[in-house]
Amino acid sequence: MQAIRIHTFGDPEVMQLEEVPDPQPGPAQVVVRVHAVGVNPVETYIRSGIYPKPPTPYTPGNDGAGVIAAIGPDVQGVAVGDRVYIAGSVSGTYAEKSLCSANRVHPLPAPASFAQGAAINVPYGTAYHALFQRGHGVAGDSVLVHGASGGVGIAAVQLARAAGLTVIGTAGTERGRQLVLEQGAHHALDHTAQGYLDQVMSLTAGRGVDVILEMLANVNLGNDLNVLARGGRVVTIGNRGPGNQGTATINPRAIMSRDAAIIGINLGNASEREQVSREEALKRVKAFSKRKEKLVAAIRKGSH
């Protein structure tokens, strides 16, 4: 089969398309014929050498979607030909076939495309972990998704709206803001406009938001603290700057005066229990969405 292989770290040109042996499943493993690959920022950081370097050569990628091509001994609950999405790969997903632990592949609902399936694991896993497991968002809370038009941002908007939170999203373009609204945000703000955070205070009647999901902490963190409600939480998901080591200046009294908290997340640090909880929750969200689609279709049919 063909796979992307990286022998040294650097610019995108270090990725080489090569012929490699087909993976063979062992006990509790499956092989997925990959139809779509999820490309996440962390993979670019690893490839460029910014993050800890895996042994070379290696095939990048943990996300994807496709069809089960082979199963190993003692594998149950999945069969050759099943449509699945990948939430972790042994051999990497930038390849025609990917070796995975059987518990890291999940059924892909019939309405979902392979491209949509490839976008589930890291974006939705990160959003769920940040919003609920670390940010402790609950129905009735308000959340500011600071940078809502990207993969994690869109996932956060959808999950927050489904869970009963009031959702304020930001984006830097008109197209991005329209997308944020279409995905469920109650309000979409232009984070390139001067004074846009004043609108957050207006939208919350001066109270501030309970949770902020921050995608660019080195730029926004200091100002985020000023629009938090008492007991509010800022969950830092992304940070840029040289070598992804950008720094932020904050006023500690902005935290103290609100009994607020700044919380960092790394999806790889999630416990096994959190992983299982997250995956079960995402299954319920998909099941709810499927039932909702059927209900809407039935209502539309009945109105004709």
C-alpha atoms as a PDB file:
ATOM      1  CA  MET A   1       0.000   0.000   0.000  1.00  0.00           C
ATOM      2  CA  GLN A   2       0.956   3.666  -0.181  1.00  0.00           C
ATOM      3  CA  ALA A   3       1.538   5.799   2.893  1.00  0.00           C
ATOM      4  CA  ILE A   4       3.014   9.154   3.829  1.00  0.00           C
ATOM      5  CA  ARG A   5       6.332   8.617   5.593  1.00  0.00           C
ATOM      6  CA  ILE A   6       8.472  11.108   7.487  1.00  0.00           C
ATOM      7  CA  HIS A   7      12.187  10.365   7.870  1.00  0.00           C
ATOM      8  CA  THR A   8      13.302  13.763   9.140  1.00  0.00           C
ATOM      9  CA  PHE A   9      11.561  16.796  10.620  1.00  0.00           C
ATOM     10  CA  GLY A  10      10.918  20.095   8.903  1.00  0.00           C
ATOM     11  CA  ASP A  11       8.684  21.754   6.314  1.00  0.00           C
ATOM     12  CA  PRO A  12       5.818  19.904   4.565  1.00  0.00           C
ATOM     13  CA  GLU A  13       8.245  18.694   1.888  1.00  0.00           C
ATOM     14  CA  VAL A  14       9.647  16.130   4.346  1.00  0.00           C
ATOM     15  CA  MET A  15       6.459  14.099   3.862  1.00  0.00           C
ATOM     16  CA  GLN A  16       7.124  11.443   1.249  1.00  0.00           C
ATOM     17  CA  LEU A  17       4.662   9.093  -0.471  1.00  0.00           C
ATOM     18  CA  GLU A  18       6.119   5.584  -0.274  1.00  0.00           C
ATOM     19  CA  GLU A  19       5.195   1.950  -0.815  1.00  0.00           C
ATOM     20  CA  VAL A  20       5.022   0.052   2.490  1.00  0.00           C
ATOM     21  CA  PRO A  21       3.758  -3.399   3.512  1.00  0.00           C
ATOM     22  CA  ASP A  22       0.062  -3.725   4.291  1.00  0.00           C
ATOM     23  CA  PRO A  23      -0.578  -3.784   8.060  1.00  0.00           C
ATOM     24  CA  GLN A  24      -1.730  -7.089   9.548  1.00  0.00           C
ATOM     25  CA  PRO A  25      -4.082  -7.112  12.550  1.00  0.00           C
ATOM     26  CA  GLY A  26      -3.057  -8.869  15.738  1.00  0.00           C
ATOM     27  CA  PRO A  27      -5.275  -9.735  18.701  1.00  0.00           C
ATOM     28  CA  ALA A  28      -7.792  -6.977  19.479  1.00  0.00           C
ATOM     29  CA  GLN A  29      -6.776  -5.059  16.355  1.00  0.00           C
ATOM     30  CA  VAL A  30      -8.416  -4.139  13.069  1.00  0.00           C
ATOM     31  CA  VAL A  31      -7.250  -2.751   9.738  1.00  0.00           C
ATOM     32  CA  VAL A  32      -9.251   0.109   8.234  1.00  0.00           C
ATOM     33  CA  ARG A  33      -9.161   0.954   4.542  1.00  0.00           C
ATOM     34  CA  VAL A  34      -8.953   4.724   4.845  1.00  0.00           C
ATOM     35  CA  HIS A  35     -11.320   6.843   2.754  1.00  0.00           C
ATOM     36  CA  ALA A  36     -10.696  10.187   4.464  1.00  0.00           C
ATOM     37  CA  VAL A  37      -8.005  11.496   6.811  1.00  0.00           C
ATOM     38  CA  GLY A  38      -8.355  14.058   9.575  1.00  0.00           C
ATOM     39  CA  VAL A  39      -5.473  16.552   9.547  1.00  0.00           C
ATOM     40  CA  ASN A  40      -4.959  18.287  12.891  1.00  0.00           C
ATOM     41  CA  PRO A  41      -2.607  21.121  13.875  1.00  0.00           C
ATOM     42  CA  VAL A  42      -0.711  18.927  16.338  1.00  0.00           C
ATOM     43  CA  GLU A  43       0.483  16.749  13.456  1.00  0.00           C
ATOM     44  CA  THR A  44       2.039  19.759  11.751  1.00  0.00           C
ATOM     45  CA  TYR A  45       3.799  20.711  14.982  1.00  0.00           C
ATOM     46  CA  ILE A  46       5.234  17.208  15.353  1.00  0.00           C
ATOM     47  CA  ARG A  47       6.280  17.083  11.699  1.00  0.00           C
ATOM     48  CA  SER A  48       8.034  20.451  11.963  1.00  0.00           C
ATOM     49  CA  GLY A  49       9.943  19.369  15.079  1.00  0.00           C
ATOM     50  CA  ILE A  50       8.269  21.800  17.499  1.00  0.00           C
ATOM     51  CA  TYR A  51       6.745  19.017  19.609  1.00  0.00           C
ATOM     52  CA  PRO A  52       8.446  15.858  20.965  1.00  0.00           C
ATOM     53  CA  LYS A  53       9.699  13.805  18.063  1.00  0.00           C
ATOM     54  CA  PRO A  54       8.569  10.215  17.492  1.00  0.00           C
ATOM     55  CA  PRO A  55      11.014   7.642  16.146  1.00  0.00           C
ATOM     56  CA  THR A  56      11.483   7.881  12.394  1.00  0.00           C
ATOM     57  CA  PRO A  57      10.363   6.890   9.891  1.00  0.00           C
ATOM     58  CA  TYR A  58       6.736   7.204  10.857  1.00  0.00           C
ATOM     59  CA  THR A  59       3.315   7.780   9.308  1.00  0.00           C
ATOM     60  CA  PRO A  60       1.390  10.695  10.858  1.00  0.00           C
ATOM     61  CA  GLY A  61      -2.269  10.849  11.758  1.00  0.00           C
ATOM     62  CA  ASN A  62      -4.672   9.641  14.416  1.00  0.00           C
ATOM     63  CA  ASP A  63      -7.990  10.567  12.802  1.00  0.00           C
ATOM     64  CA  GLY A  64      -9.712   9.115   9.779  1.00  0.00           C
ATOM     65  CA  ALA A  65     -12.707   7.224   8.476  1.00  0.00           C
ATOM     66  CA  GLY A  66     -13.201   4.262   6.216  1.00  0.00           C
ATOM     67  CA  VAL A  67     -14.255   0.644   6.029  1.00  0.00           C
ATOM     68  CA  ILE A  68     -13.009  -2.314   8.082  1.00  0.00           C
ATOM     69  CA  ALA A  69     -10.714  -4.344   5.816  1.00  0.00           C
ATOM     70  CA  ALA A  70      -9.532  -7.030   8.259  1.00  0.00           C
ATOM     71  CA  ILE A  71      -9.975  -8.018  11.895  1.00  0.00           C
ATOM     72  CA  GLY A  72      -7.670  -9.816  14.290  1.00  0.00           C
ATOM     73  CA  PRO A  73      -8.409 -12.681  16.678  1.00  0.00           C
ATOM     74  CA  ASP A  74     -10.994 -12.168  19.420  1.00  0.00           C
ATOM     75  CA  VAL A  75     -12.370  -8.945  17.929  1.00  0.00           C
ATOM     76  CA  GLN A  76     -16.080  -8.526  18.584  1.00  0.00           C
ATOM     77  CA  GLY A  77     -18.618  -5.840  17.777  1.00  0.00           C
ATOM     78  CA  VAL A  78     -17.105  -4.936  14.418  1.00  0.00           C
ATOM     79  CA  ALA A  79     -16.969  -6.797  11.102  1.00  0.00           C
ATOM     80  CA  VAL A  80     -15.262  -6.536   7.740  1.00  0.00           C
ATOM     81  CA  GLY A  81     -17.161  -4.006   5.638  1.00  0.00           C
ATOM     82  CA  ASP A  82     -18.356  -1.847   8.553  1.00  0.00           C
ATOM     83  CA  ARG A  83     -18.140   1.921   8.106  1.00  0.00           C
ATOM     84  CA  VAL A  84     -16.164   3.426  10.981  1.00  0.00           C
ATOM     85  CA  TYR A  85     -14.354   6.508  12.135  1.00  0.00           C
ATOM     86  CA  ILE A  86     -10.897   6.234  13.701  1.00  0.00           C
ATOM     87  CA  ALA A  87     -10.123   7.706  17.106  1.00  0.00           C
ATOM     88  CA  GLY A  88      -6.488   6.701  17.401  1.00  0.00           C
ATOM     89  CA  SER A  89      -4.199   4.685  15.147  1.00  0.00           C
ATOM     90  CA  VAL A  90      -1.291   2.340  15.791  1.00  0.00           C
ATOM     91  CA  SER A  91       0.307   2.822  12.390  1.00  0.00           C
ATOM     92  CA  GLY A  92      -0.930   6.301  11.388  1.00  0.00           C
ATOM     93  CA  THR A  93      -3.836   7.359   9.193  1.00  0.00           C
ATOM     94  CA  TYR A  94      -1.988   9.167   6.386  1.00  0.00           C
ATOM     95  CA  ALA A  95      -2.109   5.906   4.466  1.00  0.00           C
ATOM     96  CA  GLU A  96      -4.364   3.717   2.359  1.00  0.00           C
ATOM     97  CA  LYS A  97      -4.789   1.353   5.314  1.00  0.00           C
ATOM     98  CA  SER A  98      -4.431   1.951   9.040  1.00  0.00           C
ATOM     99  CA  LEU A  99      -3.849  -0.503  11.878  1.00  0.00           C
ATOM    100  CA  CYS A 100      -5.972   0.347  14.926  1.00  0.00           C
ATOM    101  CA  SER A 101      -6.918  -1.109  18.272  1.00  0.00           C
ATOM    102  CA  ALA A 102     -10.459  -2.414  17.937  1.00  0.00           C
ATOM    103  CA  ASN A 103     -11.643  -0.133  20.739  1.00  0.00           C
ATOM    104  CA  ARG A 104     -10.403   2.928  18.822  1.00  0.00           C
ATOM    105  CA  VAL A 105     -12.802   2.532  15.901  1.00  0.00           C
ATOM    106  CA  HIS A 106     -16.452   3.526  16.176  1.00  0.00           C
ATOM    107  CA  PRO A 107     -19.505   3.123  13.926  1.00  0.00           C
ATOM    108  CA  LEU A 108     -19.963   5.912  11.415  1.00  0.00           C
ATOM    109  CA  PRO A 109     -23.668   6.837  11.158  1.00  0.00           C
ATOM    110  CA  ALA A 110     -25.178   6.294   7.715  1.00  0.00           C
ATOM    111  CA  PRO A 111     -25.918  10.004   7.026  1.00  0.00           C
ATOM    112  CA  ALA A 112     -22.293  10.981   7.735  1.00  0.00           C
ATOM    113  CA  SER A 113     -19.699  11.111   4.972  1.00  0.00           C
ATOM    114  CA  PHE A 114     -16.212   9.713   5.416  1.00  0.00           C
ATOM    115  CA  ALA A 115     -14.875  13.285   5.427  1.00  0.00           C
ATOM    116  CA  GLN A 116     -17.204  14.148   8.302  1.00  0.00           C
ATOM    117  CA  GLY A 117     -16.176  11.007  10.151  1.00  0.00           C
ATOM    118  CA  ALA A 118     -12.517  11.934   9.825  1.00  0.00           C
ATOM    119  CA  ALA A 119     -13.268  15.206  11.625  1.00  0.00           C
ATOM    120  CA  ILE A 120     -14.781  13.646  14.752  1.00  0.00           C
ATOM    121  CA  ASN A 121     -11.996  12.448  17.042  1.00  0.00           C
ATOM    122  CA  VAL A 122      -9.656  15.334  17.820  1.00  0.00           C
ATOM    123  CA  PRO A 123     -12.002  18.279  17.093  1.00  0.00           C
ATOM    124  CA  TYR A 124     -15.030  16.913  18.940  1.00  0.00           C
ATOM    125  CA  GLY A 125     -12.962  15.151  21.579  1.00  0.00           C
ATOM    126  CA  THR A 126     -11.090  18.373  22.339  1.00  0.00           C
ATOM    127  CA  ALA A 127     -14.268  20.435  22.409  1.00  0.00           C
ATOM    128  CA  TYR A 128     -16.041  18.003  24.729  1.00  0.00           C
ATOM    129  CA  HIS A 129     -13.034  17.660  27.042  1.00  0.00           C
ATOM    130  CA  ALA A 130     -12.601  21.438  27.235  1.00  0.00           C
ATOM    131  CA  LEU A 131     -16.240  22.403  27.619  1.00  0.00           C
ATOM    132  CA  PHE A 132     -17.536  19.719  29.966  1.00  0.00           C
ATOM    133  CA  GLN A 133     -14.717  17.733  31.560  1.00  0.00           C
ATOM    134  CA  ARG A 134     -12.366  20.649  32.250  1.00  0.00           C
ATOM    135  CA  GLY A 135     -14.583  23.723  31.910  1.00  0.00           C
ATOM    136  CA  HIS A 136     -17.554  22.117  33.711  1.00  0.00           C
ATOM    137  CA  GLY A 137     -20.084  23.798  31.456  1.00  0.00           C
ATOM    138  CA  VAL A 138     -23.723  22.998  32.264  1.00  0.00           C
ATOM    139  CA  ALA A 139     -27.134  23.889  30.872  1.00  0.00           C
ATOM    140  CA  GLY A 140     -27.946  27.512  31.605  1.00  0.00           C
ATOM    141  CA  ASP A 141     -24.314  28.644  31.489  1.00  0.00           C
ATOM    142  CA  SER A 142     -23.028  31.062  28.875  1.00  0.00           C
ATOM    143  CA  VAL A 143     -19.924  30.248  26.845  1.00  0.00           C
ATOM    144  CA  LEU A 144     -17.678  32.356  24.645  1.00  0.00           C
ATOM    145  CA  VAL A 145     -16.002  30.257  21.948  1.00  0.00           C
ATOM    146  CA  HIS A 146     -13.095  32.536  21.114  1.00  0.00           C
ATOM    147  CA  GLY A 147     -12.254  31.438  17.589  1.00  0.00           C
ATOM    148  CA  ALA A 148     -15.376  29.471  16.706  1.00  0.00           C
ATOM    149  CA  SER A 149     -15.056  28.949  12.954  1.00  0.00           C
ATOM    150  CA  GLY A 150     -12.314  26.290  13.067  1.00  0.00           C
ATOM    151  CA  GLY A 151     -12.723  22.569  13.647  1.00  0.00           C
ATOM    152  CA  VAL A 152     -12.672  22.591  17.450  1.00  0.00           C
ATOM    153  CA  GLY A 153     -14.656  25.827  17.542  1.00  0.00           C
ATOM    154  CA  ILE A 154     -17.483  24.482  15.375  1.00  0.00           C
ATOM    155  CA  ALA A 155     -17.594  21.293  17.463  1.00  0.00           C
ATOM    156  CA  ALA A 156     -17.756  23.371  20.657  1.00  0.00           C
ATOM    157  CA  VAL A 157     -20.594  25.503  19.301  1.00  0.00           C
ATOM    158  CA  GLN A 158     -22.627  22.433  18.352  1.00  0.00           C
ATOM    159  CA  LEU A 159     -22.027  20.623  21.645  1.00  0.00           C
ATOM    160  CA  ALA A 160     -22.696  23.688  23.774  1.00  0.00           C
ATOM    161  CA  ARG A 161     -25.938  24.522  21.992  1.00  0.00           C
ATOM    162  CA  ALA A 162     -27.123  20.891  22.251  1.00  0.00           C
ATOM    163  CA  ALA A 163     -26.372  20.930  25.993  1.00  0.00           C
ATOM    164  CA  GLY A 164     -28.445  24.042  26.665  1.00  0.00           C
ATOM    165  CA  LEU A 165     -25.735  26.702  27.012  1.00  0.00           C
ATOM    166  CA  THR A 166     -26.019  30.206  25.601  1.00  0.00           C
ATOM    167  CA  VAL A 167     -23.342  30.334  22.913  1.00  0.00           C
ATOM    168  CA  ILE A 168     -21.354  33.371  21.778  1.00  0.00           C
ATOM    169  CA  GLY A 169     -18.838  32.630  19.026  1.00  0.00           C
ATOM    170  CA  THR A 170     -16.233  34.768  17.313  1.00  0.00           C
ATOM    171  CA  ALA A 171     -14.739  34.698  13.832  1.00  0.00           C
ATOM    172  CA  GLY A 172     -12.634  37.070  11.770  1.00  0.00           C
ATOM    173  CA  THR A 173     -14.660  37.048   8.539  1.00  0.00           C
ATOM    174  CA  GLU A 174     -18.293  37.519   7.580  1.00  0.00           C
ATOM    175  CA  ARG A 175     -18.331  34.013   6.110  1.00  0.00           C
ATOM    176  CA  GLY A 176     -16.913  32.608   9.334  1.00  0.00           C
ATOM    177  CA  ARG A 177     -19.490  34.388  11.471  1.00  0.00           C
ATOM    178  CA  GLN A 178     -22.313  33.139   9.271  1.00  0.00           C
ATOM    179  CA  LEU A 179     -20.959  29.603   9.643  1.00  0.00           C
ATOM    180  CA  VAL A 180     -20.827  29.993  13.427  1.00  0.00           C
ATOM    181  CA  LEU A 181     -24.475  31.066  13.491  1.00  0.00           C
ATOM    182  CA  GLU A 182     -25.511  28.230  11.185  1.00  0.00           C
ATOM    183  CA  GLN A 183     -23.863  25.728  13.535  1.00  0.00           C
ATOM    184  CA  GLY A 184     -25.905  26.886  16.517  1.00  0.00           C
ATOM    185  CA  ALA A 185     -24.369  29.970  18.114  1.00  0.00           C
ATOM    186  CA  HIS A 186     -26.851  32.480  19.473  1.00  0.00           C
ATOM    187  CA  HIS A 187     -24.476  35.350  18.681  1.00  0.00           C
ATOM    188  CA  ALA A 188     -21.422  35.741  16.424  1.00  0.00           C
ATOM    189  CA  LEU A 189     -18.894  38.541  16.987  1.00  0.00           C
ATOM    190  CA  ASP A 190     -16.048  39.894  14.863  1.00  0.00           C
ATOM    191  CA  HIS A 191     -12.871  39.358  16.867  1.00  0.00           C
ATOM    192  CA  THR A 192     -10.982  41.736  14.565  1.00  0.00           C
ATOM    193  CA  ALA A 193     -13.244  44.671  15.525  1.00  0.00           C
ATOM    194  CA  GLN A 194     -12.112  47.097  18.192  1.00  0.00           C
ATOM    195  CA  GLY A 195     -14.079  46.737  21.414  1.00  0.00           C
ATOM    196  CA  TYR A 196     -15.819  43.519  20.396  1.00  0.00           C
ATOM    197  CA  LEU A 197     -15.489  42.109  23.914  1.00  0.00           C
ATOM    198  CA  ASP A 198     -17.686  44.958  25.142  1.00  0.00           C
ATOM    199  CA  GLN A 199     -20.473  43.223  23.234  1.00  0.00           C
ATOM    200  CA  VAL A 200     -19.944  40.111  25.381  1.00  0.00           C
ATOM    201  CA  MET A 201     -20.749  42.153  28.468  1.00  0.00           C
ATOM    202  CA  SER A 202     -23.795  43.674  26.777  1.00  0.00           C
ATOM    203  CA  LEU A 203     -25.084  40.279  25.659  1.00  0.00           C
ATOM    204  CA  THR A 204     -24.793  38.969  29.220  1.00  0.00           C
ATOM    205  CA  ALA A 205     -26.351  42.063  30.840  1.00  0.00           C
ATOM    206  CA  GLY A 206     -23.002  42.994  32.358  1.00  0.00           C
ATOM    207  CA  ARG A 207     -22.543  39.644  34.092  1.00  0.00           C
ATOM    208  CA  GLY A 208     -19.906  38.113  31.834  1.00  0.00           C
ATOM    209  CA  VAL A 209     -19.684  34.544  30.576  1.00  0.00           C
ATOM    210  CA  ASP A 210     -19.286  31.401  32.653  1.00  0.00           C
ATOM    211  CA  VAL A 211     -16.863  29.642  30.320  1.00  0.00           C
ATOM    212  CA  ILE A 212     -14.440  30.820  27.649  1.00  0.00           C
ATOM    213  CA  LEU A 213     -12.892  28.340  25.231  1.00  0.00           C
ATOM    214  CA  GLU A 214      -9.718  30.079  24.074  1.00  0.00           C
ATOM    215  CA  MET A 215      -8.015  29.096  20.807  1.00  0.00           C
ATOM    216  CA  LEU A 216      -5.323  31.823  20.836  1.00  0.00           C
ATOM    217  CA  ALA A 217      -4.259  32.285  24.430  1.00  0.00           C
ATOM    218  CA  ASN A 218      -1.070  34.221  23.740  1.00  0.00           C
ATOM    219  CA  VAL A 219      -3.153  37.004  22.156  1.00  0.00           C
ATOM    220  CA  ASN A 220      -6.458  36.898  24.048  1.00  0.00           C
ATOM    221  CA  LEU A 221      -5.946  35.500  27.542  1.00  0.00           C
ATOM    222  CA  GLY A 222      -5.352  38.802  29.317  1.00  0.00           C
ATOM    223  CA  ASN A 223      -8.528  40.328  27.907  1.00  0.00           C
ATOM    224  CA  ASP A 224     -10.596  37.165  28.426  1.00  0.00           C
ATOM    225  CA  LEU A 225     -10.379  37.599  32.177  1.00  0.00           C
ATOM    226  CA  ASN A 226     -12.236  40.894  31.989  1.00  0.00           C
ATOM    227  CA  VAL A 227     -15.392  39.326  30.519  1.00  0.00           C
ATOM    228  CA  LEU A 228     -15.694  36.376  32.900  1.00  0.00           C
ATOM    229  CA  ALA A 229     -18.579  36.035  35.312  1.00  0.00           C
ATOM    230  CA  ARG A 230     -17.871  35.342  38.981  1.00  0.00           C
ATOM    231  CA  GLY A 231     -16.546  31.800  39.221  1.00  0.00           C
ATOM    232  CA  GLY A 232     -15.876  31.772  35.476  1.00  0.00           C
ATOM    233  CA  ARG A 233     -13.380  29.510  33.751  1.00  0.00           C
ATOM    234  CA  VAL A 234     -11.062  30.176  30.814  1.00  0.00           C
ATOM    235  CA  VAL A 235     -10.024  26.930  29.136  1.00  0.00           C
ATOM    236  CA  THR A 236      -6.919  27.417  26.999  1.00  0.00           C
ATOM    237  CA  ILE A 237      -6.998  25.145  23.963  1.00  0.00           C
ATOM    238  CA  GLY A 238      -4.591  26.861  21.578  1.00  0.00           C
ATOM    239  CA  ASN A 239      -1.454  28.986  21.774  1.00  0.00           C
ATOM    240  CA  ARG A 240       0.737  30.341  18.995  1.00  0.00           C
ATOM    241  CA  GLY A 241       3.755  32.591  18.707  1.00  0.00           C
ATOM    242  CA  PRO A 242       7.344  31.594  17.854  1.00  0.00           C
ATOM    243  CA  GLY A 243       7.673  27.846  18.243  1.00  0.00           C
ATOM    244  CA  ASN A 244       4.131  27.802  19.633  1.00  0.00           C
ATOM    245  CA  GLN A 245       5.598  29.241  22.824  1.00  0.00           C
ATOM    246  CA  GLY A 246       3.903  32.645  22.758  1.00  0.00           C
ATOM    247  CA  THR A 247       3.383  34.267  26.135  1.00  0.00           C
ATOM    248  CA  ALA A 248       0.526  36.297  27.607  1.00  0.00           C
ATOM    249  CA  THR A 249       0.380  39.110  30.136  1.00  0.00           C
ATOM    250  CA  ILE A 250      -2.401  38.875  32.704  1.00  0.00           C
ATOM    251  CA  ASN A 251      -3.521  40.811  35.751  1.00  0.00           C
ATOM    252  CA  PRO A 252      -3.853  38.313  38.623  1.00  0.00           C
ATOM    253  CA  ARG A 253      -6.444  40.549  40.297  1.00  0.00           C
ATOM    254  CA  ALA A 254      -8.764  39.953  37.355  1.00  0.00           C
ATOM    255  CA  ILE A 255      -8.734  36.295  38.424  1.00  0.00           C
ATOM    256  CA  MET A 256      -8.867  36.937  42.172  1.00  0.00           C
ATOM    257  CA  SER A 257     -11.744  39.402  42.067  1.00  0.00           C
ATOM    258  CA  ARG A 258     -13.938  36.896  40.230  1.00  0.00           C
ATOM    259  CA  ASP A 259     -12.887  33.659  41.932  1.00  0.00           C
ATOM    260  CA  ALA A 260     -12.013  32.714  38.362  1.00  0.00           C
ATOM    261  CA  ALA A 261      -9.791  29.970  36.976  1.00  0.00           C
ATOM    262  CA  ILE A 262      -7.487  29.516  34.002  1.00  0.00           C
ATOM    263  CA  ILE A 263      -7.449  25.876  32.931  1.00  0.00           C
ATOM    264  CA  GLY A 264      -5.136  24.305  30.380  1.00  0.00           C
ATOM    265  CA  ILE A 265      -6.015  21.217  28.393  1.00  0.00           C
ATOM    266  CA  ASN A 266      -4.190  18.649  26.309  1.00  0.00           C
ATOM    267  CA  LEU A 267      -6.441  15.935  24.903  1.00  0.00           C
ATOM    268  CA  GLY A 268      -3.636  13.421  25.305  1.00  0.00           C
ATOM    269  CA  ASN A 269      -3.735  13.916  29.066  1.00  0.00           C
ATOM    270  CA  ALA A 270      -7.350  12.752  29.365  1.00  0.00           C
ATOM    271  CA  SER A 271      -7.724   9.733  31.638  1.00  0.00           C
ATOM    272  CA  GLU A 272      -9.087   6.427  30.376  1.00  0.00           C
ATOM    273  CA  ARG A 273     -12.295   7.140  32.267  1.00  0.00           C
ATOM    274  CA  GLU A 274     -12.599  10.552  30.605  1.00  0.00           C
ATOM    275  CA  GLN A 275     -11.978   8.990  27.199  1.00  0.00           C
ATOM    276  CA  VAL A 276     -14.717   6.404  27.696  1.00  0.00           C
ATOM    277  CA  SER A 277     -17.119   9.025  29.038  1.00  0.00           C
ATOM    278  CA  ARG A 278     -16.387  11.339  26.116  1.00  0.00           C
ATOM    279  CA  GLU A 279     -16.880   8.644  23.499  1.00  0.00           C
ATOM    280  CA  GLU A 280     -20.168   7.515  25.040  1.00  0.00           C
ATOM    281  CA  ALA A 281     -21.379  11.109  25.193  1.00  0.00           C
ATOM    282  CA  LEU A 282     -20.517  11.692  21.538  1.00  0.00           C
ATOM    283  CA  LYS A 283     -22.421   8.532  20.618  1.00  0.00           C
ATOM    284  CA  ARG A 284     -25.466   9.910  22.401  1.00  0.00           C
ATOM    285  CA  VAL A 285     -25.109  13.223  20.584  1.00  0.00           C
ATOM    286  CA  LYS A 286     -24.982  11.413  17.231  1.00  0.00           C
ATOM    287  CA  ALA A 287     -27.992   9.275  18.184  1.00  0.00           C
ATOM    288  CA  PHE A 288     -29.914  12.383  19.258  1.00  0.00           C
ATOM    289  CA  SER A 289     -29.037  14.139  16.010  1.00  0.00           C
ATOM    290  CA  LYS A 290     -30.260  11.150  14.008  1.00  0.00           C
ATOM    291  CA  ARG A 291     -33.576  11.087  15.903  1.00  0.00           C
ATOM    292  CA  LYS A 292     -33.896  14.849  15.458  1.00  0.00           C
ATOM    293  CA  GLU A 293     -33.392  14.521  11.683  1.00  0.00           C
ATOM    294  CA  LYS A 294     -36.135  11.878  11.503  1.00  0.00           C
ATOM    295  CA  LEU A 295     -38.469  14.054  13.575  1.00  0.00           C
ATOM    296  CA  VAL A 296     -37.875  17.119  11.418  1.00  0.00           C
ATOM    297  CA  ALA A 297     -38.411  15.035   8.273  1.00  0.00           C
ATOM    298  CA  ALA A 298     -41.668  13.656   9.665  1.00  0.00           C
ATOM    299  CA  ILE A 299     -42.899  17.121  10.593  1.00  0.00           C
ATOM    300  CA  ARG A 300     -42.067  18.446   7.152  1.00  0.00           C
ATOM    301  CA  LYS A 301     -43.785  15.493   5.498  1.00  0.00           C
ATOM    302  CA  GLY A 302     -46.897  16.033   7.620  1.00  0.00           C
ATOM    303  CA  SER A 303     -47.075  19.704   6.735  1.00  0.00           C
ATOM    304  CA  HIS A 304     -47.259  19.040   2.982  1.00  0.00           C
END
